[in-house]
Amino acid sequence: MLAIIKTGGKQYKVAVGDKIKVEKLEGETGTGVVFSEVLFLGDEKDVKIGTPFLEGAKVEGKIIETSKQKKVVGMKFKAKKRYRVKFGHRQTMTEVEITKI
C-alpha cells in the first residue's frame, strides 16, 4: 500500500515501515502522530485519488526523534549603502516512522 500525504506544506510518498523527515511536529519521542491530509492511496489493484483530500483516510506514524538540520548561511546586501548582514538558520525536523495506512 502506498500513500501520498501532506504535512508542513510539502507532500511525501510513504509506505508502511518508511522513515521520513518532516518539519517539526508537536509531541514527545515515541508518541503517535496521525496525518489526516491524504492525497492518494493505492496499490497494484486499486487507486483512490482525493479532490484534494480523501475522506476518512489517515496515515499513522510514530515519532522517532526531533533534531536540527545543518546550518544554512545567508546574506543580505544593499548596493552603495555599506549594508551587509550575514545570518544562519537551522531548521528543526522530526523523523517519523510510518506504522499504518
PDB file of N, CA and C in Angstrom:
ATOM      1  N   MET A   1       0.855  -1.177   0.000  1.00  0.00           N
ATOM      2  CA  MET A   1       0.000   0.000   0.000  1.00  0.00           C
ATOM      3  C   MET A   1       0.893   1.229   0.000  1.00  0.00           C
ATOM      4  N   LEU A   2       0.519   2.201  -0.806  1.00  0.00           N
ATOM      5  CA  LEU A   2       1.268   3.428  -0.984  1.00  0.00           C
ATOM      6  C   LEU A   2       0.339   4.605  -0.714  1.00  0.00           C
ATOM      7  N   ALA A   3       0.867   5.658  -0.119  1.00  0.00           N
ATOM      8  CA  ALA A   3       0.061   6.847   0.148  1.00  0.00           C
ATOM      9  C   ALA A   3       0.905   8.090  -0.092  1.00  0.00           C
ATOM     10  N   ILE A   4       0.221   9.178  -0.441  1.00  0.00           N
ATOM     11  CA  ILE A   4       0.864  10.486  -0.525  1.00  0.00           C
ATOM     12  C   ILE A   4       0.163  11.379   0.489  1.00  0.00           C
ATOM     13  N   ILE A   5       0.958  11.911   1.432  1.00  0.00           N
ATOM     14  CA  ILE A   5       0.406  12.743   2.499  1.00  0.00           C
ATOM     15  C   ILE A   5       0.948  14.160   2.371  1.00  0.00           C
ATOM     16  N   LYS A   6       0.253  15.095   3.009  1.00  0.00           N
ATOM     17  CA  LYS A   6       0.677  16.484   3.023  1.00  0.00           C
ATOM     18  C   LYS A   6       0.881  16.913   4.470  1.00  0.00           C
ATOM     19  N   THR A   7       2.060  17.437   4.771  1.00  0.00           N
ATOM     20  CA  THR A   7       2.347  17.991   6.094  1.00  0.00           C
ATOM     21  C   THR A   7       3.438  19.043   5.965  1.00  0.00           C
ATOM     22  N   GLY A   8       3.286  20.123   6.692  1.00  0.00           N
ATOM     23  CA  GLY A   8       4.274  21.191   6.650  1.00  0.00           C
ATOM     24  C   GLY A   8       4.376  21.873   5.295  1.00  0.00           C
ATOM     25  N   GLY A   9       3.287  21.847   4.504  1.00  0.00           N
ATOM     26  CA  GLY A   9       3.296  22.486   3.205  1.00  0.00           C
ATOM     27  C   GLY A   9       3.992  21.686   2.123  1.00  0.00           C
ATOM     28  N   LYS A  10       4.397  20.448   2.439  1.00  0.00           N
ATOM     29  CA  LYS A  10       5.075  19.597   1.473  1.00  0.00           C
ATOM     30  C   LYS A  10       4.338  18.269   1.360  1.00  0.00           C
ATOM     31  N   GLN A  11       4.588  17.542   0.280  1.00  0.00           N
ATOM     32  CA  GLN A  11       3.956  16.248   0.059  1.00  0.00           C
ATOM     33  C   GLN A  11       5.014  15.158   0.121  1.00  0.00           C
ATOM     34  N   TYR A  12       4.645  14.014   0.730  1.00  0.00           N
ATOM     35  CA  TYR A  12       5.565  12.904   0.906  1.00  0.00           C
ATOM     36  C   TYR A  12       4.907  11.607   0.445  1.00  0.00           C
ATOM     37  N   LYS A  13       5.653  10.787  -0.292  1.00  0.00           N
ATOM     38  CA  LYS A  13       5.194   9.466  -0.700  1.00  0.00           C
ATOM     39  C   LYS A  13       5.670   8.485   0.360  1.00  0.00           C
ATOM     40  N   VAL A  14       4.720   7.756   0.993  1.00  0.00           N
ATOM     41  CA  VAL A  14       5.071   6.889   2.105  1.00  0.00           C
ATOM     42  C   VAL A  14       4.461   5.496   1.930  1.00  0.00           C
ATOM     43  N   ALA A  15       5.091   4.535   2.591  1.00  0.00           N
ATOM     44  CA  ALA A  15       4.587   3.171   2.697  1.00  0.00           C
ATOM     45  C   ALA A  15       4.849   2.727   4.124  1.00  0.00           C
ATOM     46  N   VAL A  16       4.235   1.633   4.543  1.00  0.00           N
ATOM     47  CA  VAL A  16       4.420   1.134   5.907  1.00  0.00           C
ATOM     48  C   VAL A  16       5.880   0.762   6.106  1.00  0.00           C
ATOM     49  N   GLY A  17       6.465   1.247   7.212  1.00  0.00           N
ATOM     50  CA  GLY A  17       7.862   0.968   7.524  1.00  0.00           C
ATOM     51  C   GLY A  17       8.826   2.054   7.090  1.00  0.00           C
ATOM     52  N   ASP A  18       8.371   3.019   6.287  1.00  0.00           N
ATOM     53  CA  ASP A  18       9.240   4.107   5.833  1.00  0.00           C
ATOM     54  C   ASP A  18       9.556   5.053   6.978  1.00  0.00           C
ATOM     55  N   LYS A  19      10.752   5.653   6.926  1.00  0.00           N
ATOM     56  CA  LYS A  19      11.136   6.700   7.863  1.00  0.00           C
ATOM     57  C   LYS A  19      11.308   7.976   7.057  1.00  0.00           C
ATOM     58  N   ILE A  20      10.571   9.028   7.433  1.00  0.00           N
ATOM     59  CA  ILE A  20      10.640  10.300   6.709  1.00  0.00           C
ATOM     60  C   ILE A  20      10.980  11.417   7.687  1.00  0.00           C
ATOM     61  N   LYS A  21      11.611  12.466   7.161  1.00  0.00           N
ATOM     62  CA  LYS A  21      11.893  13.662   7.952  1.00  0.00           C
ATOM     63  C   LYS A  21      10.967  14.766   7.477  1.00  0.00           C
ATOM     64  N   VAL A  22      10.158  15.284   8.404  1.00  0.00           N
ATOM     65  CA  VAL A  22       9.203  16.341   8.101  1.00  0.00           C
ATOM     66  C   VAL A  22       9.509  17.534   8.995  1.00  0.00           C
ATOM     67  N   GLU A  23       8.899  18.673   8.679  1.00  0.00           N
ATOM     68  CA  GLU A  23       9.089  19.835   9.535  1.00  0.00           C
ATOM     69  C   GLU A  23       8.526  19.543  10.913  1.00  0.00           C
ATOM     70  N   LYS A  24       8.995  20.279  11.912  1.00  0.00           N
ATOM     71  CA  LYS A  24       8.737  19.969  13.317  1.00  0.00           C
ATOM     72  C   LYS A  24       7.269  19.700  13.616  1.00  0.00           C
ATOM     73  N   LEU A  25       7.035  18.569  14.309  1.00  0.00           N
ATOM     74  CA  LEU A  25       5.712  18.197  14.789  1.00  0.00           C
ATOM     75  C   LEU A  25       5.726  18.227  16.311  1.00  0.00           C
ATOM     76  N   GLU A  26       4.597  18.608  16.895  1.00  0.00           N
ATOM     77  CA  GLU A  26       4.488  18.629  18.353  1.00  0.00           C
ATOM     78  C   GLU A  26       4.360  17.191  18.858  1.00  0.00           C
ATOM     79  N   GLY A  27       5.015  16.896  19.961  1.00  0.00           N
ATOM     80  CA  GLY A  27       4.913  15.575  20.551  1.00  0.00           C
ATOM     81  C   GLY A  27       6.274  15.091  21.017  1.00  0.00           C
ATOM     82  N   GLU A  28       6.233  14.173  21.971  1.00  0.00           N
ATOM     83  CA  GLU A  28       7.445  13.599  22.535  1.00  0.00           C
ATOM     84  C   GLU A  28       7.920  12.417  21.694  1.00  0.00           C
ATOM     85  N   THR A  29       9.169  12.022  21.895  1.00  0.00           N
ATOM     86  CA  THR A  29       9.711  10.850  21.220  1.00  0.00           C
ATOM     87  C   THR A  29       8.939   9.606  21.653  1.00  0.00           C
ATOM     88  N   GLY A  30       8.521   8.802  20.668  1.00  0.00           N
ATOM     89  CA  GLY A  30       7.789   7.574  20.951  1.00  0.00           C
ATOM     90  C   GLY A  30       6.278   7.714  20.889  1.00  0.00           C
ATOM     91  N   THR A  31       5.764   8.929  20.821  1.00  0.00           N
ATOM     92  CA  THR A  31       4.316   9.106  20.747  1.00  0.00           C
ATOM     93  C   THR A  31       3.843   8.965  19.304  1.00  0.00           C
ATOM     94  N   GLY A  32       2.555   8.729  19.154  1.00  0.00           N
ATOM     95  CA  GLY A  32       1.978   8.550  17.825  1.00  0.00           C
ATOM     96  C   GLY A  32       1.551   9.866  17.212  1.00  0.00           C
ATOM     97  N   VAL A  33       1.484   9.874  15.898  1.00  0.00           N
ATOM     98  CA  VAL A  33       1.031  11.049  15.157  1.00  0.00           C
ATOM     99  C   VAL A  33       0.147  10.558  14.012  1.00  0.00           C
ATOM    100  N   VAL A  34      -0.901  11.339  13.697  1.00  0.00           N
ATOM    101  CA  VAL A  34      -1.841  10.958  12.648  1.00  0.00           C
ATOM    102  C   VAL A  34      -1.829  12.039  11.569  1.00  0.00           C
ATOM    103  N   PHE A  35      -1.621  11.612  10.315  1.00  0.00           N
ATOM    104  CA  PHE A  35      -1.691  12.504   9.165  1.00  0.00           C
ATOM    105  C   PHE A  35      -3.051  12.291   8.507  1.00  0.00           C
ATOM    106  N   SER A  36      -3.922  13.287   8.584  1.00  0.00           N
ATOM    107  CA  SER A  36      -5.271  13.144   8.035  1.00  0.00           C
ATOM    108  C   SER A  36      -5.399  13.721   6.626  1.00  0.00           C
ATOM    109  N   GLU A  37      -4.415  14.478   6.181  1.00  0.00           N
ATOM    110  CA  GLU A  37      -4.443  15.056   4.839  1.00  0.00           C
ATOM    111  C   GLU A  37      -3.795  14.077   3.865  1.00  0.00           C
ATOM    112  N   VAL A  38      -4.583  13.092   3.414  1.00  0.00           N
ATOM    113  CA  VAL A  38      -4.107  12.063   2.489  1.00  0.00           C
ATOM    114  C   VAL A  38      -4.597  12.422   1.089  1.00  0.00           C
ATOM    115  N   LEU A  39      -3.655  12.542   0.142  1.00  0.00           N
ATOM    116  CA  LEU A  39      -3.977  12.935  -1.218  1.00  0.00           C
ATOM    117  C   LEU A  39      -4.198  11.737  -2.135  1.00  0.00           C
ATOM    118  N   PHE A  40      -3.554  10.598  -1.842  1.00  0.00           N
ATOM    119  CA  PHE A  40      -3.558   9.444  -2.735  1.00  0.00           C
ATOM    120  C   PHE A  40      -3.397   8.169  -1.919  1.00  0.00           C
ATOM    121  N   LEU A  41      -4.143   7.148  -2.261  1.00  0.00           N
ATOM    122  CA  LEU A  41      -3.980   5.806  -1.704  1.00  0.00           C
ATOM    123  C   LEU A  41      -3.984   4.829  -2.865  1.00  0.00           C
ATOM    124  N   GLY A  42      -3.110   3.842  -2.828  1.00  0.00           N
ATOM    125  CA  GLY A  42      -3.126   2.898  -3.930  1.00  0.00           C
ATOM    126  C   GLY A  42      -2.196   1.726  -3.730  1.00  0.00           C
ATOM    127  N   ASP A  43      -2.465   0.678  -4.486  1.00  0.00           N
ATOM    128  CA  ASP A  43      -1.594  -0.480  -4.596  1.00  0.00           C
ATOM    129  C   ASP A  43      -1.704  -0.996  -6.024  1.00  0.00           C
ATOM    130  N   GLU A  44      -1.285  -2.243  -6.263  1.00  0.00           N
ATOM    131  CA  GLU A  44      -1.292  -2.771  -7.629  1.00  0.00           C
ATOM    132  C   GLU A  44      -2.702  -2.924  -8.199  1.00  0.00           C
ATOM    133  N   LYS A  45      -3.726  -3.079  -7.343  1.00  0.00           N
ATOM    134  CA  LYS A  45      -5.078  -3.376  -7.802  1.00  0.00           C
ATOM    135  C   LYS A  45      -6.015  -2.172  -7.798  1.00  0.00           C
ATOM    136  N   ASP A  46      -5.878  -1.298  -6.800  1.00  0.00           N
ATOM    137  CA  ASP A  46      -6.858  -0.234  -6.599  1.00  0.00           C
ATOM    138  C   ASP A  46      -6.156   1.098  -6.365  1.00  0.00           C
ATOM    139  N   VAL A  47      -6.727   2.179  -6.896  1.00  0.00           N
ATOM    140  CA  VAL A  47      -6.186   3.524  -6.734  1.00  0.00           C
ATOM    141  C   VAL A  47      -7.309   4.460  -6.338  1.00  0.00           C
ATOM    142  N   LYS A  48      -7.047   5.300  -5.316  1.00  0.00           N
ATOM    143  CA  LYS A  48      -8.009   6.327  -4.906  1.00  0.00           C
ATOM    144  C   LYS A  48      -7.283   7.662  -4.886  1.00  0.00           C
ATOM    145  N   ILE A  49      -7.860   8.645  -5.569  1.00  0.00           N
ATOM    146  CA  ILE A  49      -7.271   9.977  -5.655  1.00  0.00           C
ATOM    147  C   ILE A  49      -8.249  10.965  -5.047  1.00  0.00           C
ATOM    148  N   GLY A  50      -7.761  11.808  -4.142  1.00  0.00           N
ATOM    149  CA  GLY A  50      -8.610  12.789  -3.463  1.00  0.00           C
ATOM    150  C   GLY A  50      -8.754  14.072  -4.252  1.00  0.00           C
ATOM    151  N   THR A  51      -9.789  14.840  -3.896  1.00  0.00           N
ATOM    152  CA  THR A  51     -10.022  16.140  -4.529  1.00  0.00           C
ATOM    153  C   THR A  51     -10.274  17.199  -3.475  1.00  0.00           C
ATOM    154  N   PRO A  52      -9.359  17.777  -2.776  1.00  0.00           N
ATOM    155  CA  PRO A  52      -7.939  17.464  -2.779  1.00  0.00           C
ATOM    156  C   PRO A  52      -7.568  16.338  -1.817  1.00  0.00           C
ATOM    157  N   PHE A  53      -8.414  16.054  -0.786  1.00  0.00           N
ATOM    158  CA  PHE A  53      -8.073  15.027   0.198  1.00  0.00           C
ATOM    159  C   PHE A  53      -9.098  13.903   0.165  1.00  0.00           C
ATOM    160  N   LEU A  54      -8.688  12.725   0.603  1.00  0.00           N
ATOM    161  CA  LEU A  54      -9.586  11.572   0.699  1.00  0.00           C
ATOM    162  C   LEU A  54     -10.339  11.623   2.023  1.00  0.00           C
ATOM    163  N   GLU A  55     -11.641  11.416   1.967  1.00  0.00           N
ATOM    164  CA  GLU A  55     -12.467  11.408   3.176  1.00  0.00           C
ATOM    165  C   GLU A  55     -12.234  10.108   3.952  1.00  0.00           C
ATOM    166  N   GLY A  56     -11.982  10.213   5.247  1.00  0.00           N
ATOM    167  CA  GLY A  56     -11.849   9.046   6.107  1.00  0.00           C
ATOM    168  C   GLY A  56     -10.512   8.339   6.028  1.00  0.00           C
ATOM    169  N   ALA A  57      -9.622   8.765   5.168  1.00  0.00           N
ATOM    170  CA  ALA A  57      -8.304   8.127   5.060  1.00  0.00           C
ATOM    171  C   ALA A  57      -7.335   8.798   6.021  1.00  0.00           C
ATOM    172  N   LYS A  58      -6.482   7.998   6.635  1.00  0.00           N
ATOM    173  CA  LYS A  58      -5.462   8.559   7.515  1.00  0.00           C
ATOM    174  C   LYS A  58      -4.239   7.660   7.520  1.00  0.00           C
ATOM    175  N   VAL A  59      -3.104   8.271   7.828  1.00  0.00           N
ATOM    176  CA  VAL A  59      -1.834   7.571   7.924  1.00  0.00           C
ATOM    177  C   VAL A  59      -1.309   7.799   9.333  1.00  0.00           C
ATOM    178  N   GLU A  60      -0.921   6.722  10.000  1.00  0.00           N
ATOM    179  CA  GLU A  60      -0.429   6.815  11.373  1.00  0.00           C
ATOM    180  C   GLU A  60       1.074   6.563  11.395  1.00  0.00           C
ATOM    181  N   GLY A  61       1.740   7.235  12.317  1.00  0.00           N
ATOM    182  CA  GLY A  61       3.181   7.082  12.454  1.00  0.00           C
ATOM    183  C   GLY A  61       3.605   7.249  13.890  1.00  0.00           C
ATOM    184  N   LYS A  62       4.907   7.030  14.127  1.00  0.00           N
ATOM    185  CA  LYS A  62       5.476   7.155  15.466  1.00  0.00           C
ATOM    186  C   LYS A  62       6.683   8.082  15.376  1.00  0.00           C
ATOM    187  N   ILE A  63       6.767   9.047  16.289  1.00  0.00           N
ATOM    188  CA  ILE A  63       7.879   9.997  16.304  1.00  0.00           C
ATOM    189  C   ILE A  63       9.124   9.287  16.825  1.00  0.00           C
ATOM    190  N   ILE A  64      10.196   9.326  16.023  1.00  0.00           N
ATOM    191  CA  ILE A  64      11.456   8.699  16.427  1.00  0.00           C
ATOM    192  C   ILE A  64      12.343   9.704  17.144  1.00  0.00           C
ATOM    193  N   GLU A  65      12.565  10.865  16.507  1.00  0.00           N
ATOM    194  CA  GLU A  65      13.386  11.899  17.145  1.00  0.00           C
ATOM    195  C   GLU A  65      13.116  13.253  16.505  1.00  0.00           C
ATOM    196  N   THR A  66      13.475  14.310  17.239  1.00  0.00           N
ATOM    197  CA  THR A  66      13.410  15.673  16.737  1.00  0.00           C
ATOM    198  C   THR A  66      14.821  16.239  16.791  1.00  0.00           C
ATOM    199  N   SER A  67      15.302  16.763  15.663  1.00  0.00           N
ATOM    200  CA  SER A  67      16.664  17.277  15.608  1.00  0.00           C
ATOM    201  C   SER A  67      16.718  18.472  14.668  1.00  0.00           C
ATOM    202  N   LYS A  68      17.893  19.084  14.591  1.00  0.00           N
ATOM    203  CA  LYS A  68      18.088  20.227  13.705  1.00  0.00           C
ATOM    204  C   LYS A  68      18.941  19.811  12.518  1.00  0.00           C
ATOM    205  N   GLN A  69      18.688  20.448  11.369  1.00  0.00           N
ATOM    206  CA  GLN A  69      19.490  20.203  10.180  1.00  0.00           C
ATOM    207  C   GLN A  69      20.791  20.996  10.257  1.00  0.00           C
ATOM    208  N   LYS A  70      21.629  20.823   9.235  1.00  0.00           N
ATOM    209  CA  LYS A  70      22.855  21.608   9.148  1.00  0.00           C
ATOM    210  C   LYS A  70      22.508  23.077   8.919  1.00  0.00           C
ATOM    211  N   LYS A  71      23.433  23.955   9.308  1.00  0.00           N
ATOM    212  CA  LYS A  71      23.200  25.387   9.188  1.00  0.00           C
ATOM    213  C   LYS A  71      23.245  25.837   7.735  1.00  0.00           C
ATOM    214  N   VAL A  72      22.267  26.675   7.367  1.00  0.00           N
ATOM    215  CA  VAL A  72      22.228  27.312   6.057  1.00  0.00           C
ATOM    216  C   VAL A  72      22.611  28.771   6.277  1.00  0.00           C
ATOM    217  N   VAL A  73      23.622  29.248   5.546  1.00  0.00           N
ATOM    218  CA  VAL A  73      24.119  30.610   5.713  1.00  0.00           C
ATOM    219  C   VAL A  73      23.549  31.480   4.606  1.00  0.00           C
ATOM    220  N   GLY A  74      23.067  32.666   4.999  1.00  0.00           N
ATOM    221  CA  GLY A  74      22.508  33.601   4.027  1.00  0.00           C
ATOM    222  C   GLY A  74      23.119  34.981   4.202  1.00  0.00           C
ATOM    223  N   MET A  75      22.939  35.827   3.196  1.00  0.00           N
ATOM    224  CA  MET A  75      23.463  37.189   3.229  1.00  0.00           C
ATOM    225  C   MET A  75      22.388  38.172   2.808  1.00  0.00           C
ATOM    226  N   LYS A  76      22.398  39.337   3.441  1.00  0.00           N
ATOM    227  CA  LYS A  76      21.604  40.470   2.987  1.00  0.00           C
ATOM    228  C   LYS A  76      22.602  41.534   2.544  1.00  0.00           C
ATOM    229  N   PHE A  77      22.309  42.193   1.434  1.00  0.00           N
ATOM    230  CA  PHE A  77      23.249  43.148   0.876  1.00  0.00           C
ATOM    231  C   PHE A  77      22.486  44.235   0.133  1.00  0.00           C
ATOM    232  N   LYS A  78      22.884  45.494   0.375  1.00  0.00           N
ATOM    233  CA  LYS A  78      22.316  46.609  -0.374  1.00  0.00           C
ATOM    234  C   LYS A  78      23.469  47.376  -1.004  1.00  0.00           C
ATOM    235  N   ALA A  79      23.411  47.507  -2.315  1.00  0.00           N
ATOM    236  CA  ALA A  79      24.496  48.149  -3.051  1.00  0.00           C
ATOM    237  C   ALA A  79      24.616  49.625  -2.684  1.00  0.00           C
ATOM    238  N   LYS A  80      25.819  50.096  -2.603  1.00  0.00           N
ATOM    239  CA  LYS A  80      26.174  51.501  -2.394  1.00  0.00           C
ATOM    240  C   LYS A  80      25.696  52.062  -1.057  1.00  0.00           C
ATOM    241  N   LYS A  81      25.315  51.223  -0.102  1.00  0.00           N
ATOM    242  CA  LYS A  81      24.822  51.705   1.187  1.00  0.00           C
ATOM    243  C   LYS A  81      25.653  51.192   2.366  1.00  0.00           C
ATOM    244  N   ARG A  82      26.703  50.426   2.091  1.00  0.00           N
ATOM    245  CA  ARG A  82      27.546  49.816   3.123  1.00  0.00           C
ATOM    246  C   ARG A  82      26.731  48.943   4.073  1.00  0.00           C
ATOM    247  N   TYR A  83      25.778  48.198   3.526  1.00  0.00           N
ATOM    248  CA  TYR A  83      24.910  47.348   4.333  1.00  0.00           C
ATOM    249  C   TYR A  83      25.146  45.895   3.956  1.00  0.00           C
ATOM    250  N   ARG A  84      25.663  45.126   4.918  1.00  0.00           N
ATOM    251  CA  ARG A  84      25.857  43.692   4.735  1.00  0.00           C
ATOM    252  C   ARG A  84      25.505  42.998   6.045  1.00  0.00           C
ATOM    253  N   VAL A  85      24.685  41.971   5.959  1.00  0.00           N
ATOM    254  CA  VAL A  85      24.327  41.186   7.137  1.00  0.00           C
ATOM    255  C   VAL A  85      24.449  39.711   6.773  1.00  0.00           C
ATOM    256  N   LYS A  86      25.182  38.974   7.592  1.00  0.00           N
ATOM    257  CA  LYS A  86      25.319  37.529   7.400  1.00  0.00           C
ATOM    258  C   LYS A  86      24.496  36.857   8.490  1.00  0.00           C
ATOM    259  N   PHE A  87      23.700  35.861   8.110  1.00  0.00           N
ATOM    260  CA  PHE A  87      22.870  35.165   9.092  1.00  0.00           C
ATOM    261  C   PHE A  87      22.872  33.674   8.812  1.00  0.00           C
ATOM    262  N   GLY A  88      22.513  32.908   9.826  1.00  0.00           N
ATOM    263  CA  GLY A  88      22.423  31.460   9.690  1.00  0.00           C
ATOM    264  C   GLY A  88      21.076  30.973  10.186  1.00  0.00           C
ATOM    265  N   HIS A  89      20.663  29.805   9.678  1.00  0.00           N
ATOM    266  CA  HIS A  89      19.382  29.229  10.076  1.00  0.00           C
ATOM    267  C   HIS A  89      19.508  27.717  10.165  1.00  0.00           C
ATOM    268  N   ARG A  90      18.976  27.120  11.223  1.00  0.00           N
ATOM    269  CA  ARG A  90      18.938  25.663  11.380  1.00  0.00           C
ATOM    270  C   ARG A  90      17.487  25.246  11.554  1.00  0.00           C
ATOM    271  N   GLN A  91      16.940  24.526  10.565  1.00  0.00           N
ATOM    272  CA  GLN A  91      15.544  24.093  10.584  1.00  0.00           C
ATOM    273  C   GLN A  91      15.386  22.886  11.509  1.00  0.00           C
ATOM    274  N   THR A  92      14.349  22.900  12.343  1.00  0.00           N
ATOM    275  CA  THR A  92      14.042  21.776  13.214  1.00  0.00           C
ATOM    276  C   THR A  92      13.209  20.762  12.441  1.00  0.00           C
ATOM    277  N   MET A  93      13.660  19.507  12.447  1.00  0.00           N
ATOM    278  CA  MET A  93      12.992  18.439  11.704  1.00  0.00           C
ATOM    279  C   MET A  93      12.620  17.306  12.661  1.00  0.00           C
ATOM    280  N   THR A  94      11.532  16.610  12.342  1.00  0.00           N
ATOM    281  CA  THR A  94      11.078  15.463  13.120  1.00  0.00           C
ATOM    282  C   THR A  94      11.134  14.231  12.234  1.00  0.00           C
ATOM    283  N   GLU A  95      11.767  13.164  12.729  1.00  0.00           N
ATOM    284  CA  GLU A  95      11.810  11.908  11.987  1.00  0.00           C
ATOM    285  C   GLU A  95      10.645  11.039  12.440  1.00  0.00           C
ATOM    286  N   VAL A  96       9.845  10.554  11.472  1.00  0.00           N
ATOM    287  CA  VAL A  96       8.639   9.797  11.751  1.00  0.00           C
ATOM    288  C   VAL A  96       8.727   8.449  11.026  1.00  0.00           C
ATOM    289  N   GLU A  97       8.370   7.373  11.728  1.00  0.00           N
ATOM    290  CA  GLU A  97       8.268   6.057  11.099  1.00  0.00           C
ATOM    291  C   GLU A  97       6.794   5.766  10.858  1.00  0.00           C
ATOM    292  N   ILE A  98       6.424   5.412   9.629  1.00  0.00           N
ATOM    293  CA  ILE A  98       5.042   5.129   9.253  1.00  0.00           C
ATOM    294  C   ILE A  98       4.686   3.729   9.746  1.00  0.00           C
ATOM    295  N   THR A  99       3.609   3.635  10.557  1.00  0.00           N
ATOM    296  CA  THR A  99       3.209   2.350  11.128  1.00  0.00           C
ATOM    297  C   THR A  99       1.963   1.762  10.499  1.00  0.00           C
ATOM    298  N   LYS A 100       1.045   2.607  10.008  1.00  0.00           N
ATOM    299  CA  LYS A 100      -0.219   2.106   9.496  1.00  0.00           C
ATOM    300  C   LYS A 100      -0.802   3.065   8.469  1.00  0.00           C
ATOM    301  N   ILE A 101      -1.362   2.493   7.387  1.00  0.00           N
ATOM    302  CA  ILE A 101      -2.070   3.302   6.384  1.00  0.00           C
ATOM    303  C   ILE A 101      -3.519   2.857   6.359  1.00  0.00           C
TER     304      ILE A 101
END
